[in-house]
Amino acid sequence: MPDYLLVELAKGPAWDHARSRREQDGWDDHAAFMDGLVEDGFILLGGPVGEVEGELTLHVVTETDEQAVRDRFGQDPWAPDTLVVHDIRPWHVWLRPPR
């Protein structure tokens, strides 16, 4: 069993490429939803990969059941039109600092 799942999110068909991430319709609702996932301990860390306005966002989630992850991200106000789950991959962490 993996330690975590890596969730790759991509811009969906309703993404307005003429506007920044925080200018997209529904940003406040999406941001509140994502903050809730962090508060619940569901997301360990996450954010855009590369440039902030790039195509992909990566999140490390503590849930290791892929369907449960898809279901949870499916509740995002941006899903599935503005932001879509592109890929989910298991992550086995072998290296970490001592506790």
N, C-alpha and C. Protein backbone atom coordinates (compact mmCIF):
# COMPACT_ATOMS: atom_id res chain seq x y z
N MET A 1 0.84 -1.17 0.00
CA MET A 1 0.00 0.00 0.00
C MET A 1 0.90 1.25 0.00
N PRO A 2 0.54 2.25 -0.81
CA PRO A 2 1.34 3.48 -0.84
C PRO A 2 1.17 4.29 0.44
N ASP A 3 2.14 5.15 0.70
CA ASP A 3 2.04 6.07 1.83
C ASP A 3 1.04 7.18 1.54
N TYR A 4 1.03 7.63 0.29
CA TYR A 4 0.17 8.73 -0.15
C TYR A 4 -0.24 8.49 -1.59
N LEU A 5 -1.18 9.31 -2.05
CA LEU A 5 -1.48 9.37 -3.47
C LEU A 5 -1.11 10.76 -3.97
N LEU A 6 -0.55 10.81 -5.17
CA LEU A 6 -0.27 12.08 -5.84
C LEU A 6 -1.41 12.33 -6.81
N VAL A 7 -2.07 13.46 -6.68
CA VAL A 7 -3.21 13.80 -7.52
C VAL A 7 -2.80 14.96 -8.41
N GLU A 8 -2.86 14.71 -9.70
CA GLU A 8 -2.52 15.72 -10.69
C GLU A 8 -3.82 16.29 -11.24
N LEU A 9 -3.99 17.59 -11.09
CA LEU A 9 -5.19 18.27 -11.60
C LEU A 9 -4.81 19.09 -12.82
N ALA A 10 -5.70 19.14 -13.78
CA ALA A 10 -5.46 19.89 -15.02
C ALA A 10 -6.61 20.85 -15.27
N LYS A 11 -6.34 21.87 -16.04
CA LYS A 11 -7.37 22.84 -16.40
C LYS A 11 -8.42 22.17 -17.27
N GLY A 12 -9.67 22.38 -16.93
CA GLY A 12 -10.77 21.78 -17.66
C GLY A 12 -11.24 22.64 -18.81
N PRO A 13 -12.30 22.19 -19.52
CA PRO A 13 -12.77 22.89 -20.72
C PRO A 13 -13.33 24.28 -20.45
N ALA A 14 -13.77 24.57 -19.23
CA ALA A 14 -14.33 25.89 -18.92
C ALA A 14 -13.26 26.88 -18.46
N TRP A 15 -11.99 26.44 -18.40
CA TRP A 15 -10.92 27.33 -17.96
C TRP A 15 -10.77 28.48 -18.95
N ASP A 16 -10.76 29.70 -18.44
CA ASP A 16 -10.59 30.89 -19.27
C ASP A 16 -9.10 31.23 -19.27
N HIS A 17 -8.41 30.89 -20.35
CA HIS A 17 -6.96 31.08 -20.43
C HIS A 17 -6.55 32.55 -20.51
N ALA A 18 -7.52 33.45 -20.69
CA ALA A 18 -7.23 34.88 -20.71
C ALA A 18 -7.19 35.46 -19.29
N ARG A 19 -7.57 34.63 -18.29
CA ARG A 19 -7.62 35.10 -16.91
C ARG A 19 -6.68 34.27 -16.04
N SER A 20 -6.17 34.89 -14.99
CA SER A 20 -5.29 34.18 -14.06
C SER A 20 -6.09 33.18 -13.24
N ARG A 21 -5.38 32.33 -12.56
CA ARG A 21 -6.00 31.29 -11.72
C ARG A 21 -7.00 31.91 -10.73
N ARG A 22 -6.59 32.96 -10.06
CA ARG A 22 -7.44 33.57 -9.03
C ARG A 22 -8.52 34.47 -9.61
N GLU A 23 -8.52 34.67 -10.91
CA GLU A 23 -9.57 35.44 -11.57
C GLU A 23 -10.63 34.55 -12.21
N GLN A 24 -10.46 33.24 -12.12
CA GLN A 24 -11.43 32.32 -12.71
C GLN A 24 -12.76 32.41 -11.96
N ASP A 25 -13.86 32.18 -12.68
CA ASP A 25 -15.18 32.15 -12.05
C ASP A 25 -15.17 31.09 -10.94
N GLY A 26 -15.73 31.44 -9.80
CA GLY A 26 -15.84 30.49 -8.71
C GLY A 26 -14.58 30.28 -7.89
N TRP A 27 -13.56 31.15 -8.07
CA TRP A 27 -12.30 30.99 -7.34
C TRP A 27 -12.52 30.90 -5.83
N ASP A 28 -13.31 31.81 -5.27
CA ASP A 28 -13.49 31.85 -3.82
C ASP A 28 -14.07 30.54 -3.29
N ASP A 29 -15.05 29.99 -3.99
CA ASP A 29 -15.65 28.71 -3.57
C ASP A 29 -14.64 27.57 -3.69
N HIS A 30 -13.90 27.56 -4.78
CA HIS A 30 -12.86 26.54 -4.97
C HIS A 30 -11.80 26.64 -3.88
N ALA A 31 -11.33 27.85 -3.62
CA ALA A 31 -10.28 28.04 -2.61
C ALA A 31 -10.78 27.60 -1.23
N ALA A 32 -12.01 27.91 -0.89
CA ALA A 32 -12.58 27.49 0.40
C ALA A 32 -12.67 25.97 0.48
N PHE A 33 -13.05 25.34 -0.62
CA PHE A 33 -13.13 23.88 -0.67
C PHE A 33 -11.74 23.27 -0.44
N MET A 34 -10.74 23.79 -1.14
CA MET A 34 -9.38 23.26 -1.01
C MET A 34 -8.83 23.50 0.40
N ASP A 35 -9.09 24.67 0.96
CA ASP A 35 -8.67 24.94 2.34
C ASP A 35 -9.30 23.94 3.30
N GLY A 36 -10.55 23.58 3.05
CA GLY A 36 -11.23 22.58 3.87
C GLY A 36 -10.55 21.22 3.79
N LEU A 37 -10.08 20.85 2.60
CA LEU A 37 -9.37 19.58 2.45
C LEU A 37 -8.08 19.57 3.25
N VAL A 38 -7.41 20.71 3.31
CA VAL A 38 -6.19 20.82 4.11
C VAL A 38 -6.55 20.73 5.60
N GLU A 39 -7.57 21.47 6.01
CA GLU A 39 -7.99 21.46 7.42
C GLU A 39 -8.40 20.06 7.87
N ASP A 40 -9.01 19.28 6.98
CA ASP A 40 -9.43 17.91 7.29
C ASP A 40 -8.26 16.93 7.32
N GLY A 41 -7.08 17.38 6.88
CA GLY A 41 -5.94 16.48 6.81
C GLY A 41 -5.93 15.62 5.57
N PHE A 42 -6.83 15.89 4.64
CA PHE A 42 -6.92 15.12 3.40
C PHE A 42 -5.77 15.48 2.45
N ILE A 43 -5.49 16.78 2.32
CA ILE A 43 -4.34 17.24 1.51
C ILE A 43 -3.19 17.55 2.46
N LEU A 44 -2.05 16.93 2.19
CA LEU A 44 -0.85 17.19 2.98
C LEU A 44 -0.14 18.44 2.47
N LEU A 45 -0.02 18.54 1.15
CA LEU A 45 0.56 19.73 0.52
C LEU A 45 0.17 19.72 -0.94
N GLY A 46 0.27 20.90 -1.58
CA GLY A 46 -0.11 20.97 -2.98
C GLY A 46 0.05 22.36 -3.55
N GLY A 47 -0.03 22.44 -4.86
CA GLY A 47 0.05 23.70 -5.56
C GLY A 47 0.45 23.50 -7.01
N PRO A 48 0.51 24.61 -7.75
CA PRO A 48 0.87 24.54 -9.17
C PRO A 48 2.30 24.01 -9.36
N VAL A 49 2.48 23.24 -10.41
CA VAL A 49 3.80 22.72 -10.77
C VAL A 49 4.39 23.65 -11.82
N GLY A 50 5.61 24.09 -11.60
CA GLY A 50 6.24 25.03 -12.52
C GLY A 50 5.68 26.42 -12.30
N GLU A 51 5.34 27.10 -13.37
CA GLU A 51 4.79 28.44 -13.26
C GLU A 51 3.39 28.39 -12.63
N VAL A 52 3.08 29.41 -11.84
CA VAL A 52 1.79 29.44 -11.14
C VAL A 52 0.62 29.31 -12.12
N GLU A 53 0.75 29.88 -13.29
CA GLU A 53 -0.33 29.81 -14.27
C GLU A 53 -0.16 28.63 -15.23
N GLY A 54 0.71 27.70 -14.87
CA GLY A 54 0.95 26.52 -15.71
C GLY A 54 -0.28 25.63 -15.80
N GLU A 55 -0.12 24.55 -16.53
CA GLU A 55 -1.25 23.66 -16.82
C GLU A 55 -1.61 22.70 -15.69
N LEU A 56 -0.65 22.36 -14.82
CA LEU A 56 -0.89 21.31 -13.84
C LEU A 56 -0.72 21.78 -12.40
N THR A 57 -1.50 21.15 -11.53
CA THR A 57 -1.39 21.32 -10.09
C THR A 57 -1.23 19.93 -9.50
N LEU A 58 -0.38 19.80 -8.50
CA LEU A 58 -0.10 18.51 -7.87
C LEU A 58 -0.43 18.61 -6.39
N HIS A 59 -1.15 17.60 -5.89
CA HIS A 59 -1.47 17.53 -4.46
C HIS A 59 -1.05 16.17 -3.92
N VAL A 60 -0.52 16.17 -2.72
CA VAL A 60 -0.22 14.95 -2.00
C VAL A 60 -1.37 14.75 -1.02
N VAL A 61 -2.07 13.63 -1.17
CA VAL A 61 -3.22 13.37 -0.30
C VAL A 61 -2.95 12.17 0.59
N THR A 62 -3.54 12.22 1.77
CA THR A 62 -3.32 11.17 2.76
C THR A 62 -4.22 9.96 2.54
N GLU A 63 -5.29 10.13 1.81
CA GLU A 63 -6.20 9.02 1.48
C GLU A 63 -5.52 8.14 0.45
N THR A 64 -5.55 6.83 0.62
CA THR A 64 -4.89 5.94 -0.33
C THR A 64 -5.87 5.13 -1.17
N ASP A 65 -7.16 5.39 -1.05
CA ASP A 65 -8.15 4.74 -1.90
C ASP A 65 -8.46 5.67 -3.07
N GLU A 66 -8.13 5.24 -4.28
CA GLU A 66 -8.27 6.10 -5.45
C GLU A 66 -9.70 6.56 -5.68
N GLN A 67 -10.67 5.68 -5.51
CA GLN A 67 -12.06 6.09 -5.74
C GLN A 67 -12.52 7.12 -4.71
N ALA A 68 -12.08 6.97 -3.47
CA ALA A 68 -12.42 7.95 -2.44
C ALA A 68 -11.82 9.31 -2.78
N VAL A 69 -10.62 9.31 -3.35
CA VAL A 69 -9.98 10.57 -3.76
C VAL A 69 -10.76 11.20 -4.91
N ARG A 70 -11.13 10.41 -5.90
CA ARG A 70 -11.92 10.94 -7.02
C ARG A 70 -13.25 11.50 -6.53
N ASP A 71 -13.89 10.79 -5.61
CA ASP A 71 -15.17 11.25 -5.07
C ASP A 71 -15.01 12.58 -4.34
N ARG A 72 -13.96 12.68 -3.55
CA ARG A 72 -13.74 13.91 -2.76
C ARG A 72 -13.44 15.09 -3.68
N PHE A 73 -12.54 14.90 -4.64
CA PHE A 73 -12.24 15.99 -5.57
C PHE A 73 -13.43 16.30 -6.46
N GLY A 74 -14.31 15.34 -6.67
CA GLY A 74 -15.52 15.56 -7.46
C GLY A 74 -16.49 16.53 -6.80
N GLN A 75 -16.30 16.80 -5.51
CA GLN A 75 -17.14 17.75 -4.78
C GLN A 75 -16.64 19.20 -4.93
N ASP A 76 -15.47 19.37 -5.53
CA ASP A 76 -14.90 20.70 -5.76
C ASP A 76 -15.85 21.49 -6.65
N PRO A 77 -16.17 22.74 -6.29
CA PRO A 77 -17.04 23.56 -7.15
C PRO A 77 -16.49 23.73 -8.57
N TRP A 78 -15.20 23.55 -8.76
CA TRP A 78 -14.59 23.67 -10.09
C TRP A 78 -14.67 22.37 -10.89
N ALA A 79 -15.04 21.27 -10.28
CA ALA A 79 -15.06 19.98 -10.99
C ALA A 79 -16.40 19.83 -11.69
N PRO A 80 -16.44 19.22 -12.85
CA PRO A 80 -15.34 18.82 -13.73
C PRO A 80 -15.06 19.82 -14.85
N ASP A 81 -15.71 20.98 -14.80
CA ASP A 81 -15.59 21.91 -15.92
C ASP A 81 -14.33 22.78 -15.89
N THR A 82 -13.96 23.27 -14.72
CA THR A 82 -12.84 24.19 -14.64
C THR A 82 -11.54 23.47 -14.28
N LEU A 83 -11.63 22.48 -13.40
CA LEU A 83 -10.45 21.74 -12.96
C LEU A 83 -10.82 20.26 -12.94
N VAL A 84 -10.00 19.43 -13.54
CA VAL A 84 -10.31 18.01 -13.62
C VAL A 84 -9.17 17.18 -13.05
N VAL A 85 -9.51 16.01 -12.48
CA VAL A 85 -8.49 15.07 -12.02
C VAL A 85 -7.88 14.45 -13.27
N HIS A 86 -6.61 14.71 -13.49
CA HIS A 86 -5.91 14.21 -14.67
C HIS A 86 -5.30 12.84 -14.41
N ASP A 87 -4.70 12.67 -13.24
CA ASP A 87 -4.02 11.42 -12.94
C ASP A 87 -3.90 11.26 -11.43
N ILE A 88 -3.93 10.02 -10.98
CA ILE A 88 -3.69 9.69 -9.58
C ILE A 88 -2.65 8.58 -9.56
N ARG A 89 -1.58 8.82 -8.82
CA ARG A 89 -0.50 7.83 -8.75
C ARG A 89 -0.12 7.54 -7.31
N PRO A 90 0.20 6.28 -7.01
CA PRO A 90 0.67 5.95 -5.67
C PRO A 90 2.07 6.50 -5.43
N TRP A 91 2.33 6.88 -4.19
CA TRP A 91 3.65 7.39 -3.84
C TRP A 91 4.13 6.65 -2.60
N HIS A 92 5.20 5.92 -2.76
CA HIS A 92 5.85 5.21 -1.65
C HIS A 92 7.03 6.05 -1.20
N VAL A 93 6.92 6.63 -0.02
CA VAL A 93 7.97 7.50 0.49
C VAL A 93 9.02 6.66 1.19
N TRP A 94 10.23 6.69 0.66
CA TRP A 94 11.34 5.93 1.23
C TRP A 94 12.32 6.84 1.99
N LEU A 95 12.37 8.08 1.59
CA LEU A 95 13.31 9.00 2.22
C LEU A 95 12.53 10.12 2.91
N ARG A 96 12.84 10.32 4.16
CA ARG A 96 12.23 11.40 4.92
C ARG A 96 13.14 11.70 6.11
N PRO A 97 13.04 12.92 6.62
CA PRO A 97 13.89 13.26 7.76
C PRO A 97 13.50 12.46 9.00
N PRO A 98 14.44 12.22 9.89
CA PRO A 98 14.09 11.49 11.12
C PRO A 98 13.14 12.33 11.98
N ARG A 99 12.31 11.67 12.70
CA ARG A 99 11.33 12.38 13.55
C ARG A 99 11.87 12.65 14.91
